[in-house]
């Protein structure tokens, strides 16, 4: 997985190196509400959600509650945050 070009902030989107920024997508009301008005966190959590759904076919909000914002603030890569969450819930690691 690529590194991170920008973690974003309230007004700037999260962006992996060499890729387009992950912009706001409010088609999922749970995601929109959870990330509120923080564009960087929204893009980061969308990347976490994608990593989880690619592995197990369900989304980030189908897992038990977790402090996702803490992982974002600690600049944990989305893939690593997803793998940690899955491991904590007993999902096998590849």
Protein backbone atom coordinates (compact mmCIF):
# COMPACT_ATOMS: atom_id res chain seq x y z
CA UNK A 1 0.00 0.00 0.00
CA UNK A 2 1.11 3.49 -0.73
CA UNK A 3 2.28 5.87 1.93
CA UNK A 4 0.31 8.93 2.85
CA UNK A 5 0.71 12.23 1.01
CA UNK A 6 -1.62 14.13 3.33
CA UNK A 7 -3.52 13.20 6.49
CA UNK A 8 -5.81 16.11 5.75
CA UNK A 9 -7.62 18.22 8.29
CA UNK A 10 -11.02 19.81 8.74
CA UNK A 11 -10.89 21.35 5.26
CA UNK A 12 -8.40 19.12 3.40
CA UNK A 13 -8.98 15.50 2.38
CA UNK A 14 -6.90 12.46 3.29
CA UNK A 15 -4.69 11.36 0.40
CA UNK A 16 -2.48 8.35 -0.28
CA UNK A 17 0.80 9.09 -2.08
CA UNK A 18 0.33 9.08 -5.84
CA UNK A 19 -3.47 8.84 -5.65
CA UNK A 20 -6.38 11.22 -5.80
CA UNK A 21 -7.59 12.67 -2.48
CA UNK A 22 -10.42 10.75 -0.84
CA UNK A 23 -13.21 13.28 -0.88
CA UNK A 24 -16.37 13.47 1.14
CA UNK A 25 -19.12 11.01 0.22
CA UNK A 26 -22.29 11.42 2.22
CA UNK A 27 -24.13 8.52 0.58
CA UNK A 28 -23.58 6.59 3.82
CA UNK A 29 -25.38 8.61 6.51
CA UNK A 30 -23.62 6.73 9.33
CA UNK A 31 -20.19 7.62 7.92
CA UNK A 32 -21.22 11.23 7.32
CA UNK A 33 -22.53 11.59 10.86
CA UNK A 34 -19.59 9.82 12.51
CA UNK A 35 -16.93 11.87 10.76
CA UNK A 36 -18.96 15.06 11.11
CA UNK A 37 -17.26 17.98 9.42
CA UNK A 38 -13.68 16.70 9.36
CA UNK A 39 -12.70 16.03 5.75
CA UNK A 40 -9.37 14.33 6.52
CA UNK A 41 -10.90 11.93 9.05
CA UNK A 42 -13.77 11.20 6.66
CA UNK A 43 -11.40 10.14 3.86
CA UNK A 44 -9.23 8.12 6.25
CA UNK A 45 -12.24 6.24 7.63
CA UNK A 46 -13.51 5.57 4.10
CA UNK A 47 -10.13 3.94 3.41
CA UNK A 48 -10.41 1.86 6.61
CA UNK A 49 -13.94 0.83 5.63
CA UNK A 50 -12.74 -0.27 2.20
CA UNK A 51 -9.88 -2.30 3.70
CA UNK A 52 -12.28 -4.07 6.05
CA UNK A 53 -14.91 -4.75 3.41
CA UNK A 54 -12.32 -6.12 0.98
CA UNK A 55 -11.18 -8.61 3.63
CA UNK A 56 -14.43 -9.77 5.19
CA UNK A 57 -17.27 -8.30 3.15
CA UNK A 58 -18.73 -6.07 5.85
CA UNK A 59 -18.08 -2.46 6.73
CA UNK A 60 -16.45 -0.59 9.56
CA UNK A 61 -19.78 0.07 11.27
CA UNK A 62 -20.65 -3.63 11.28
CA UNK A 63 -17.85 -4.19 13.80
CA UNK A 64 -18.17 -3.37 17.51
CA UNK A 65 -17.62 0.25 18.48
CA UNK A 66 -14.05 1.47 18.35
CA UNK A 67 -12.27 4.81 18.80
CA UNK A 68 -11.42 5.29 15.14
CA UNK A 69 -10.64 8.96 15.63
CA UNK A 70 -7.81 8.07 18.01
CA UNK A 71 -6.18 5.92 15.30
CA UNK A 72 -6.55 8.74 12.77
CA UNK A 73 -5.07 11.27 15.20
CA UNK A 74 -2.17 8.86 15.85
CA UNK A 75 -1.65 8.62 12.06
CA UNK A 76 -2.17 4.87 11.91
CA UNK A 77 -2.34 3.79 8.28
CA UNK A 78 -5.90 2.79 7.28
CA UNK A 79 -4.86 -0.76 6.41
CA UNK A 80 -3.12 -1.18 9.76
CA UNK A 81 -6.13 0.21 11.64
CA UNK A 82 -8.40 -2.20 9.75
CA UNK A 83 -6.16 -5.20 10.44
CA UNK A 84 -5.88 -4.31 14.12
CA UNK A 85 -9.66 -4.00 14.45
CA UNK A 86 -10.19 -7.35 12.72
CA UNK A 87 -7.55 -9.06 14.86
CA UNK A 88 -9.17 -7.66 18.01
CA UNK A 89 -12.45 -9.26 16.90
CA UNK A 90 -10.84 -12.64 16.20
CA UNK A 91 -10.79 -12.53 12.41
CA UNK A 92 -7.91 -14.59 11.00
CA UNK A 93 -5.00 -12.70 9.50
CA UNK A 94 -3.66 -13.63 6.06
